[in-house]
Amino acid sequence: GAVDKPIAALIADLKQRGMLEDTLV
């Protein structure tokens, strides 16, 4: 419960900014 929302937000935010493609999580 402490990490679920922040991690999902990080993935979605990177993707929305066009950064997920060249950022390895």
mmCIF file of all heavy atoms, coordinates in Angstrom:
data_MODEL
# 
_entry.id   MODEL 
# 
loop_
_atom_site.group_PDB 
_atom_site.id 
_atom_site.type_symbol 
_atom_site.label_atom_id 
_atom_site.label_alt_id 
_atom_site.label_comp_id 
_atom_site.label_asym_id 
_atom_site.label_entity_id 
_atom_site.label_seq_id 
_atom_site.pdbx_PDB_ins_code 
_atom_site.Cartn_x 
_atom_site.Cartn_y 
_atom_site.Cartn_z 
_atom_site.occupancy 
_atom_site.B_iso_or_equiv 
_atom_site.pdbx_formal_charge 
_atom_site.auth_seq_id 
_atom_site.auth_comp_id 
_atom_site.auth_asym_id 
_atom_site.auth_atom_id 
_atom_site.pdbx_PDB_model_num 
ATOM 1   N N   . GLY A 1 1  ? 0.801  -1.218 0.000   1.00 0.00 ? 1  GLY A N   1 
ATOM 2   C CA  . GLY A 1 1  ? 0.000  0.000  0.000   1.00 0.00 ? 1  GLY A CA  1 
ATOM 3   C C   . GLY A 1 1  ? 0.831  1.263  0.000   1.00 0.00 ? 1  GLY A C   1 
ATOM 4   O O   . GLY A 1 1  ? 0.394  2.303  -0.509  1.00 0.00 ? 1  GLY A O   1 
ATOM 5   N N   . ALA A 1 2  ? 2.044  1.205  0.554   1.00 0.00 ? 2  ALA A N   1 
ATOM 6   C CA  . ALA A 1 2  ? 2.902  2.392  0.631   1.00 0.00 ? 2  ALA A CA  1 
ATOM 7   C C   . ALA A 1 2  ? 3.620  2.692  -0.680  1.00 0.00 ? 2  ALA A C   1 
ATOM 8   O O   . ALA A 1 2  ? 4.009  3.843  -0.918  1.00 0.00 ? 2  ALA A O   1 
ATOM 9   C CB  . ALA A 1 2  ? 3.925  2.214  1.754   1.00 0.00 ? 2  ALA A CB  1 
ATOM 10  N N   . VAL A 1 3  ? 3.813  1.688  -1.527  1.00 0.00 ? 3  VAL A N   1 
ATOM 11  C CA  . VAL A 1 3  ? 4.606  1.902  -2.752  1.00 0.00 ? 3  VAL A CA  1 
ATOM 12  C C   . VAL A 1 3  ? 3.789  1.761  -4.031  1.00 0.00 ? 3  VAL A C   1 
ATOM 13  O O   . VAL A 1 3  ? 4.243  2.190  -5.103  1.00 0.00 ? 3  VAL A O   1 
ATOM 14  C CB  . VAL A 1 3  ? 5.813  0.939  -2.808  1.00 0.00 ? 3  VAL A CB  1 
ATOM 15  C CG1 . VAL A 1 3  ? 6.708  1.107  -1.582  1.00 0.00 ? 3  VAL A CG1 1 
ATOM 16  C CG2 . VAL A 1 3  ? 5.386  -0.519 -2.964  1.00 0.00 ? 3  VAL A CG2 1 
ATOM 17  N N   . ASP A 1 4  ? 2.618  1.170  -3.967  1.00 0.00 ? 4  ASP A N   1 
ATOM 18  C CA  . ASP A 1 4  ? 1.823  0.871  -5.167  1.00 0.00 ? 4  ASP A CA  1 
ATOM 19  C C   . ASP A 1 4  ? 1.505  2.121  -5.978  1.00 0.00 ? 4  ASP A C   1 
ATOM 20  O O   . ASP A 1 4  ? 1.829  2.214  -7.170  1.00 0.00 ? 4  ASP A O   1 
ATOM 21  C CB  . ASP A 1 4  ? 0.537  0.153  -4.747  1.00 0.00 ? 4  ASP A CB  1 
ATOM 22  C CG  . ASP A 1 4  ? -0.453 0.000  -5.884  1.00 0.00 ? 4  ASP A CG  1 
ATOM 23  O OD1 . ASP A 1 4  ? -0.015 -0.372 -6.986  1.00 0.00 ? 4  ASP A OD1 1 
ATOM 24  O OD2 . ASP A 1 4  ? -1.659 0.248  -5.666  1.00 0.00 ? 4  ASP A OD2 1 
ATOM 25  N N   . LYS A 1 5  ? 0.878  3.084  -5.364  1.00 0.00 ? 5  LYS A N   1 
ATOM 26  C CA  . LYS A 1 5  ? 0.478  4.289  -6.091  1.00 0.00 ? 5  LYS A CA  1 
ATOM 27  C C   . LYS A 1 5  ? 1.675  5.091  -6.603  1.00 0.00 ? 5  LYS A C   1 
ATOM 28  O O   . LYS A 1 5  ? 1.687  5.502  -7.779  1.00 0.00 ? 5  LYS A O   1 
ATOM 29  C CB  . LYS A 1 5  ? -0.414 5.168  -5.198  1.00 0.00 ? 5  LYS A CB  1 
ATOM 30  C CG  . LYS A 1 5  ? -1.015 6.358  -5.929  1.00 0.00 ? 5  LYS A CG  1 
ATOM 31  C CD  . LYS A 1 5  ? -2.039 7.083  -5.066  1.00 0.00 ? 5  LYS A CD  1 
ATOM 32  C CE  . LYS A 1 5  ? -2.709 8.188  -5.863  1.00 0.00 ? 5  LYS A CE  1 
ATOM 33  N NZ  . LYS A 1 5  ? -3.795 8.859  -5.073  1.00 0.00 ? 5  LYS A NZ  1 
ATOM 34  N N   . PRO A 1 6  ? 2.707  5.327  -5.788  1.00 0.00 ? 6  PRO A N   1 
ATOM 35  C CA  . PRO A 1 6  ? 3.869  6.069  -6.294  1.00 0.00 ? 6  PRO A CA  1 
ATOM 36  C C   . PRO A 1 6  ? 4.566  5.394  -7.475  1.00 0.00 ? 6  PRO A C   1 
ATOM 37  O O   . PRO A 1 6  ? 4.945  6.066  -8.441  1.00 0.00 ? 6  PRO A O   1 
ATOM 38  C CB  . PRO A 1 6  ? 4.793  6.132  -5.069  1.00 0.00 ? 6  PRO A CB  1 
ATOM 39  C CG  . PRO A 1 6  ? 3.883  6.045  -3.897  1.00 0.00 ? 6  PRO A CG  1 
ATOM 40  C CD  . PRO A 1 6  ? 2.795  5.110  -4.322  1.00 0.00 ? 6  PRO A CD  1 
ATOM 41  N N   . ILE A 1 7  ? 4.721  4.066  -7.430  1.00 0.00 ? 7  ILE A N   1 
ATOM 42  C CA  . ILE A 1 7  ? 5.408  3.377  -8.520  1.00 0.00 ? 7  ILE A CA  1 
ATOM 43  C C   . ILE A 1 7  ? 4.585  3.446  -9.798  1.00 0.00 ? 7  ILE A C   1 
ATOM 44  O O   . ILE A 1 7  ? 5.119  3.708  -10.892 1.00 0.00 ? 7  ILE A O   1 
ATOM 45  C CB  . ILE A 1 7  ? 5.716  1.917  -8.140  1.00 0.00 ? 7  ILE A CB  1 
ATOM 46  C CG1 . ILE A 1 7  ? 6.746  1.866  -7.007  1.00 0.00 ? 7  ILE A CG1 1 
ATOM 47  C CG2 . ILE A 1 7  ? 6.241  1.150  -9.347  1.00 0.00 ? 7  ILE A CG2 1 
ATOM 48  C CD1 . ILE A 1 7  ? 7.024  0.456  -6.490  1.00 0.00 ? 7  ILE A CD1 1 
ATOM 49  N N   . ALA A 1 8  ? 3.286  3.209  -9.694  1.00 0.00 ? 8  ALA A N   1 
ATOM 50  C CA  . ALA A 1 8  ? 2.421  3.295  -10.871 1.00 0.00 ? 8  ALA A CA  1 
ATOM 51  C C   . ALA A 1 8  ? 2.450  4.705  -11.462 1.00 0.00 ? 8  ALA A C   1 
ATOM 52  O O   . ALA A 1 8  ? 2.474  4.880  -12.690 1.00 0.00 ? 8  ALA A O   1 
ATOM 53  C CB  . ALA A 1 8  ? 0.995  2.898  -10.499 1.00 0.00 ? 8  ALA A CB  1 
ATOM 54  N N   . ALA A 1 9  ? 2.474  5.714  -10.584 1.00 0.00 ? 9  ALA A N   1 
ATOM 55  C CA  . ALA A 1 9  ? 2.538  7.100  -11.054 1.00 0.00 ? 9  ALA A CA  1 
ATOM 56  C C   . ALA A 1 9  ? 3.852  7.364  -11.774 1.00 0.00 ? 9  ALA A C   1 
ATOM 57  O O   . ALA A 1 9  ? 3.881  8.065  -12.797 1.00 0.00 ? 9  ALA A O   1 
ATOM 58  C CB  . ALA A 1 9  ? 2.377  8.049  -9.871  1.00 0.00 ? 9  ALA A CB  1 
ATOM 59  N N   . LEU A 1 10 ? 4.941  6.829  -11.253 1.00 0.00 ? 10 LEU A N   1 
ATOM 60  C CA  . LEU A 1 10 ? 6.245  7.019  -11.882 1.00 0.00 ? 10 LEU A CA  1 
ATOM 61  C C   . LEU A 1 10 ? 6.251  6.445  -13.301 1.00 0.00 ? 10 LEU A C   1 
ATOM 62  O O   . LEU A 1 10 ? 6.697  7.101  -14.251 1.00 0.00 ? 10 LEU A O   1 
ATOM 63  C CB  . LEU A 1 10 ? 7.331  6.351  -11.038 1.00 0.00 ? 10 LEU A CB  1 
ATOM 64  C CG  . LEU A 1 10 ? 8.736  6.315  -11.644 1.00 0.00 ? 10 LEU A CG  1 
ATOM 65  C CD1 . LEU A 1 10 ? 9.284  7.722  -11.835 1.00 0.00 ? 10 LEU A CD1 1 
ATOM 66  C CD2 . LEU A 1 10 ? 9.675  5.482  -10.776 1.00 0.00 ? 10 LEU A CD2 1 
ATOM 67  N N   . ILE A 1 11 ? 5.756  5.211  -13.459 1.00 0.00 ? 11 ILE A N   1 
ATOM 68  C CA  . ILE A 1 11 ? 5.723  4.580  -14.775 1.00 0.00 ? 11 ILE A CA  1 
ATOM 69  C C   . ILE A 1 11 ? 4.861  5.401  -15.735 1.00 0.00 ? 11 ILE A C   1 
ATOM 70  O O   . ILE A 1 11 ? 5.264  5.699  -16.876 1.00 0.00 ? 11 ILE A O   1 
ATOM 71  C CB  . ILE A 1 11 ? 5.178  3.137  -14.681 1.00 0.00 ? 11 ILE A CB  1 
ATOM 72  C CG1 . ILE A 1 11 ? 6.025  2.285  -13.728 1.00 0.00 ? 11 ILE A CG1 1 
ATOM 73  C CG2 . ILE A 1 11 ? 5.109  2.506  -16.066 1.00 0.00 ? 11 ILE A CG2 1 
ATOM 74  C CD1 . ILE A 1 11 ? 7.428  2.048  -14.158 1.00 0.00 ? 11 ILE A CD1 1 
ATOM 75  N N   . ALA A 1 12 ? 3.664  5.780  -15.280 1.00 0.00 ? 12 ALA A N   1 
ATOM 76  C CA  . ALA A 1 12 ? 2.754  6.541  -16.137 1.00 0.00 ? 12 ALA A CA  1 
ATOM 77  C C   . ALA A 1 12 ? 3.325  7.907  -16.490 1.00 0.00 ? 12 ALA A C   1 
ATOM 78  O O   . ALA A 1 12 ? 3.181  8.382  -17.628 1.00 0.00 ? 12 ALA A O   1 
ATOM 79  C CB  . ALA A 1 12 ? 1.400  6.690  -15.433 1.00 0.00 ? 12 ALA A CB  1 
ATOM 80  N N   . ASP A 1 13 ? 3.973  8.563  -15.529 1.00 0.00 ? 13 ASP A N   1 
ATOM 81  C CA  . ASP A 1 13 ? 4.543  9.891  -15.750 1.00 0.00 ? 13 ASP A CA  1 
ATOM 82  C C   . ASP A 1 13 ? 5.682  9.836  -16.759 1.00 0.00 ? 13 ASP A C   1 
ATOM 83  O O   . ASP A 1 13 ? 5.772  10.665 -17.673 1.00 0.00 ? 13 ASP A O   1 
ATOM 84  C CB  . ASP A 1 13 ? 5.031  10.453 -14.413 1.00 0.00 ? 13 ASP A CB  1 
ATOM 85  C CG  . ASP A 1 13 ? 5.212  11.969 -14.435 1.00 0.00 ? 13 ASP A CG  1 
ATOM 86  O OD1 . ASP A 1 13 ? 4.907  12.592 -15.471 1.00 0.00 ? 13 ASP A OD1 1 
ATOM 87  O OD2 . ASP A 1 13 ? 5.666  12.529 -13.423 1.00 0.00 ? 13 ASP A OD2 1 
ATOM 88  N N   . LEU A 1 14 ? 6.569  8.858  -16.607 1.00 0.00 ? 14 LEU A N   1 
ATOM 89  C CA  . LEU A 1 14 ? 7.669  8.698  -17.567 1.00 0.00 ? 14 LEU A CA  1 
ATOM 90  C C   . LEU A 1 14 ? 7.116  8.454  -18.969 1.00 0.00 ? 14 LEU A C   1 
ATOM 91  O O   . LEU A 1 14 ? 7.616  9.012  -19.955 1.00 0.00 ? 14 LEU A O   1 
ATOM 92  C CB  . LEU A 1 14 ? 8.568  7.538  -17.145 1.00 0.00 ? 14 LEU A CB  1 
ATOM 93  C CG  . LEU A 1 14 ? 9.452  7.749  -15.916 1.00 0.00 ? 14 LEU A CG  1 
ATOM 94  C CD1 . LEU A 1 14 ? 10.099 6.432  -15.494 1.00 0.00 ? 14 LEU A CD1 1 
ATOM 95  C CD2 . LEU A 1 14 ? 10.542 8.795  -16.186 1.00 0.00 ? 14 LEU A CD2 1 
ATOM 96  N N   . LYS A 1 15 ? 6.086  7.630  -19.053 1.00 0.00 ? 15 LYS A N   1 
ATOM 97  C CA  . LYS A 1 15 ? 5.502  7.309  -20.359 1.00 0.00 ? 15 LYS A CA  1 
ATOM 98  C C   . LYS A 1 15 ? 4.846  8.536  -20.976 1.00 0.00 ? 15 LYS A C   1 
ATOM 99  O O   . LYS A 1 15 ? 5.016  8.818  -22.178 1.00 0.00 ? 15 LYS A O   1 
ATOM 100 C CB  . LYS A 1 15 ? 4.485  6.177  -20.189 1.00 0.00 ? 15 LYS A CB  1 
ATOM 101 C CG  . LYS A 1 15 ? 3.980  5.612  -21.508 1.00 0.00 ? 15 LYS A CG  1 
ATOM 102 C CD  . LYS A 1 15 ? 3.111  4.382  -21.260 1.00 0.00 ? 15 LYS A CD  1 
ATOM 103 C CE  . LYS A 1 15 ? 2.657  3.753  -22.578 1.00 0.00 ? 15 LYS A CE  1 
ATOM 104 N NZ  . LYS A 1 15 ? 1.841  2.534  -22.354 1.00 0.00 ? 15 LYS A NZ  1 
ATOM 105 N N   . GLN A 1 16 ? 4.110  9.297  -20.172 1.00 0.00 ? 16 GLN A N   1 
ATOM 106 C CA  . GLN A 1 16 ? 3.429  10.478 -20.676 1.00 0.00 ? 16 GLN A CA  1 
ATOM 107 C C   . GLN A 1 16 ? 4.419  11.524 -21.184 1.00 0.00 ? 16 GLN A C   1 
ATOM 108 O O   . GLN A 1 16 ? 4.149  12.257 -22.151 1.00 0.00 ? 16 GLN A O   1 
ATOM 109 C CB  . GLN A 1 16 ? 2.542  11.064 -19.556 1.00 0.00 ? 16 GLN A CB  1 
ATOM 110 C CG  . GLN A 1 16 ? 1.671  12.236 -19.973 1.00 0.00 ? 16 GLN A CG  1 
ATOM 111 C CD  . GLN A 1 16 ? 2.361  13.574 -19.788 1.00 0.00 ? 16 GLN A CD  1 
ATOM 112 O OE1 . GLN A 1 16 ? 3.188  13.739 -18.892 1.00 0.00 ? 16 GLN A OE1 1 
ATOM 113 N NE2 . GLN A 1 16 ? 2.018  14.537 -20.642 1.00 0.00 ? 16 GLN A NE2 1 
ATOM 114 N N   . ARG A 1 17 ? 5.595  11.594 -20.583 1.00 0.00 ? 17 ARG A N   1 
ATOM 115 C CA  . ARG A 1 17 ? 6.627  12.554 -20.974 1.00 0.00 ? 17 ARG A CA  1 
ATOM 116 C C   . ARG A 1 17 ? 7.530  12.032 -22.083 1.00 0.00 ? 17 ARG A C   1 
ATOM 117 O O   . ARG A 1 17 ? 8.497  12.707 -22.466 1.00 0.00 ? 17 ARG A O   1 
ATOM 118 C CB  . ARG A 1 17 ? 7.479  12.931 -19.753 1.00 0.00 ? 17 ARG A CB  1 
ATOM 119 C CG  . ARG A 1 17 ? 6.724  13.726 -18.714 1.00 0.00 ? 17 ARG A CG  1 
ATOM 120 C CD  . ARG A 1 17 ? 7.479  13.870 -17.402 1.00 0.00 ? 17 ARG A CD  1 
ATOM 121 N NE  . ARG A 1 17 ? 6.702  14.629 -16.450 1.00 0.00 ? 17 ARG A NE  1 
ATOM 122 C CZ  . ARG A 1 17 ? 6.763  15.957 -16.315 1.00 0.00 ? 17 ARG A CZ  1 
ATOM 123 N NH1 . ARG A 1 17 ? 7.579  16.658 -17.082 1.00 0.00 ? 17 ARG A NH1 1 
ATOM 124 N NH2 . ARG A 1 17 ? 6.006  16.577 -15.431 1.00 0.00 ? 17 ARG A NH2 1 
ATOM 125 N N   . GLY A 1 18 ? 7.274  10.824 -22.567 1.00 0.00 ? 18 GLY A N   1 
ATOM 126 C CA  . GLY A 1 18 ? 8.099  10.259 -23.619 1.00 0.00 ? 18 GLY A CA  1 
ATOM 127 C C   . GLY A 1 18 ? 9.458  9.792  -23.141 1.00 0.00 ? 18 GLY A C   1 
ATOM 128 O O   . GLY A 1 18 ? 10.385 9.627  -23.943 1.00 0.00 ? 18 GLY A O   1 
ATOM 129 N N   . MET A 1 19 ? 9.581  9.542  -21.831 1.00 0.00 ? 19 MET A N   1 
ATOM 130 C CA  . MET A 1 19 ? 10.872 9.155  -21.249 1.00 0.00 ? 19 MET A CA  1 
ATOM 131 C C   . MET A 1 19 ? 10.987 7.669  -20.935 1.00 0.00 ? 19 MET A C   1 
ATOM 132 O O   . MET A 1 19 ? 12.089 7.173  -20.720 1.00 0.00 ? 19 MET A O   1 
ATOM 133 C CB  . MET A 1 19 ? 11.127 9.947  -19.959 1.00 0.00 ? 19 MET A CB  1 
ATOM 134 C CG  . MET A 1 19 ? 11.291 11.438 -20.153 1.00 0.00 ? 19 MET A CG  1 
ATOM 135 S SD  . MET A 1 19 ? 11.450 12.287 -18.553 1.00 0.00 ? 19 MET A SD  1 
ATOM 136 C CE  . MET A 1 19 ? 12.973 11.572 -17.915 1.00 0.00 ? 19 MET A CE  1 
ATOM 137 N N   . LEU A 1 20 ? 9.860  6.960  -20.897 1.00 0.00 ? 20 LEU A N   1 
ATOM 138 C CA  . LEU A 1 20 ? 9.923  5.554  -20.485 1.00 0.00 ? 20 LEU A CA  1 
ATOM 139 C C   . LEU A 1 20 ? 10.709 4.722  -21.485 1.00 0.00 ? 20 LEU A C   1 
ATOM 140 O O   . LEU A 1 20 ? 11.411 3.785  -21.104 1.00 0.00 ? 20 LEU A O   1 
ATOM 141 C CB  . LEU A 1 20 ? 8.510  4.988  -20.314 1.00 0.00 ? 20 LEU A CB  1 
ATOM 142 C CG  . LEU A 1 20 ? 8.431  3.559  -19.773 1.00 0.00 ? 20 LEU A CG  1 
ATOM 143 C CD1 . LEU A 1 20 ? 9.076  3.451  -18.395 1.00 0.00 ? 20 LEU A CD1 1 
ATOM 144 C CD2 . LEU A 1 20 ? 6.982  3.070  -19.721 1.00 0.00 ? 20 LEU A CD2 1 
ATOM 145 N N   . GLU A 1 21 ? 10.604 5.053  -22.743 1.00 0.00 ? 21 GLU A N   1 
ATOM 146 C CA  . GLU A 1 21 ? 11.271 4.273  -23.787 1.00 0.00 ? 21 GLU A CA  1 
ATOM 147 C C   . GLU A 1 21 ? 12.772 4.168  -23.559 1.00 0.00 ? 21 GLU A C   1 
ATOM 148 O O   . GLU A 1 21 ? 13.379 3.125  -23.802 1.00 0.00 ? 21 GLU A O   1 
ATOM 149 C CB  . GLU A 1 21 ? 10.992 4.900  -25.157 1.00 0.00 ? 21 GLU A CB  1 
ATOM 150 C CG  . GLU A 1 21 ? 11.586 4.112  -26.312 1.00 0.00 ? 21 GLU A CG  1 
ATOM 151 C CD  . GLU A 1 21 ? 11.243 4.717  -27.659 1.00 0.00 ? 21 GLU A CD  1 
ATOM 152 O OE1 . GLU A 1 21 ? 10.301 5.538  -27.734 1.00 0.00 ? 21 GLU A OE1 1 
ATOM 153 O OE2 . GLU A 1 21 ? 11.920 4.379  -28.645 1.00 0.00 ? 21 GLU A OE2 1 
ATOM 154 N N   . ASP A 1 22 ? 13.405 5.259  -23.062 1.00 0.00 ? 22 ASP A N   1 
ATOM 155 C CA  . ASP A 1 22 ? 14.853 5.210  -22.853 1.00 0.00 ? 22 ASP A CA  1 
ATOM 156 C C   . ASP A 1 22 ? 15.241 5.374  -21.379 1.00 0.00 ? 22 ASP A C   1 
ATOM 157 O O   . ASP A 1 22 ? 16.354 5.767  -21.055 1.00 0.00 ? 22 ASP A O   1 
ATOM 158 C CB  . ASP A 1 22 ? 15.577 6.247  -23.714 1.00 0.00 ? 22 ASP A CB  1 
ATOM 159 C CG  . ASP A 1 22 ? 15.074 7.665  -23.508 1.00 0.00 ? 22 ASP A CG  1 
ATOM 160 O OD1 . ASP A 1 22 ? 14.277 7.896  -22.579 1.00 0.00 ? 22 ASP A OD1 1 
ATOM 161 O OD2 . ASP A 1 22 ? 15.471 8.561  -24.280 1.00 0.00 ? 22 ASP A OD2 1 
ATOM 162 N N   . THR A 1 23 ? 14.294 5.069  -20.482 1.00 0.00 ? 23 THR A N   1 
ATOM 163 C CA  . THR A 1 23 ? 14.592 5.001  -19.049 1.00 0.00 ? 23 THR A CA  1 
ATOM 164 C C   . THR A 1 23 ? 14.322 3.582  -18.573 1.00 0.00 ? 23 THR A C   1 
ATOM 165 O O   . THR A 1 23 ? 13.213 3.075  -18.723 1.00 0.00 ? 23 THR A O   1 
ATOM 166 C CB  . THR A 1 23 ? 13.712 5.977  -18.236 1.00 0.00 ? 23 THR A CB  1 
ATOM 167 O OG1 . THR A 1 23 ? 13.917 7.307  -18.697 1.00 0.00 ? 23 THR A OG1 1 
ATOM 168 C CG2 . THR A 1 23 ? 14.056 5.905  -16.755 1.00 0.00 ? 23 THR A CG2 1 
ATOM 169 N N   . LEU A 1 24 ? 15.318 2.929  -18.027 1.00 0.00 ? 24 LEU A N   1 
ATOM 170 C CA  . LEU A 1 24 ? 15.167 1.569  -17.513 1.00 0.00 ? 24 LEU A CA  1 
ATOM 171 C C   . LEU A 1 24 ? 14.752 1.641  -16.044 1.00 0.00 ? 24 LEU A C   1 
ATOM 172 O O   . LEU A 1 24 ? 15.467 2.205  -15.219 1.00 0.00 ? 24 LEU A O   1 
ATOM 173 C CB  . LEU A 1 24 ? 16.480 0.801  -17.648 1.00 0.00 ? 24 LEU A CB  1 
ATOM 174 C CG  . LEU A 1 24 ? 16.502 -0.628 -17.083 1.00 0.00 ? 24 LEU A CG  1 
ATOM 175 C CD1 . LEU A 1 24 ? 15.497 -1.506 -17.810 1.00 0.00 ? 24 LEU A CD1 1 
ATOM 176 C CD2 . LEU A 1 24 ? 17.903 -1.213 -17.169 1.00 0.00 ? 24 LEU A CD2 1 
ATOM 177 N N   . VAL A 1 25 ? 13.594 1.086  -15.717 1.00 0.00 ? 25 VAL A N   1 
ATOM 178 C CA  . VAL A 1 25 ? 13.110 1.015  -14.338 1.00 0.00 ? 25 VAL A CA  1 
ATOM 179 C C   . VAL A 1 25 ? 13.239 -0.435 -13.871 1.00 0.00 ? 25 VAL A C   1 
ATOM 180 O O   . VAL A 1 25 ? 12.815 -1.355 -14.580 1.00 0.00 ? 25 VAL A O   1 
ATOM 181 C CB  . VAL A 1 25 ? 11.652 1.494  -14.219 1.00 0.00 ? 25 VAL A CB  1 
ATOM 182 C CG1 . VAL A 1 25 ? 11.191 1.444  -12.760 1.00 0.00 ? 25 VAL A CG1 1 
ATOM 183 C CG2 . VAL A 1 25 ? 11.503 2.912  -14.779 1.00 0.00 ? 25 VAL A CG2 1 
# 
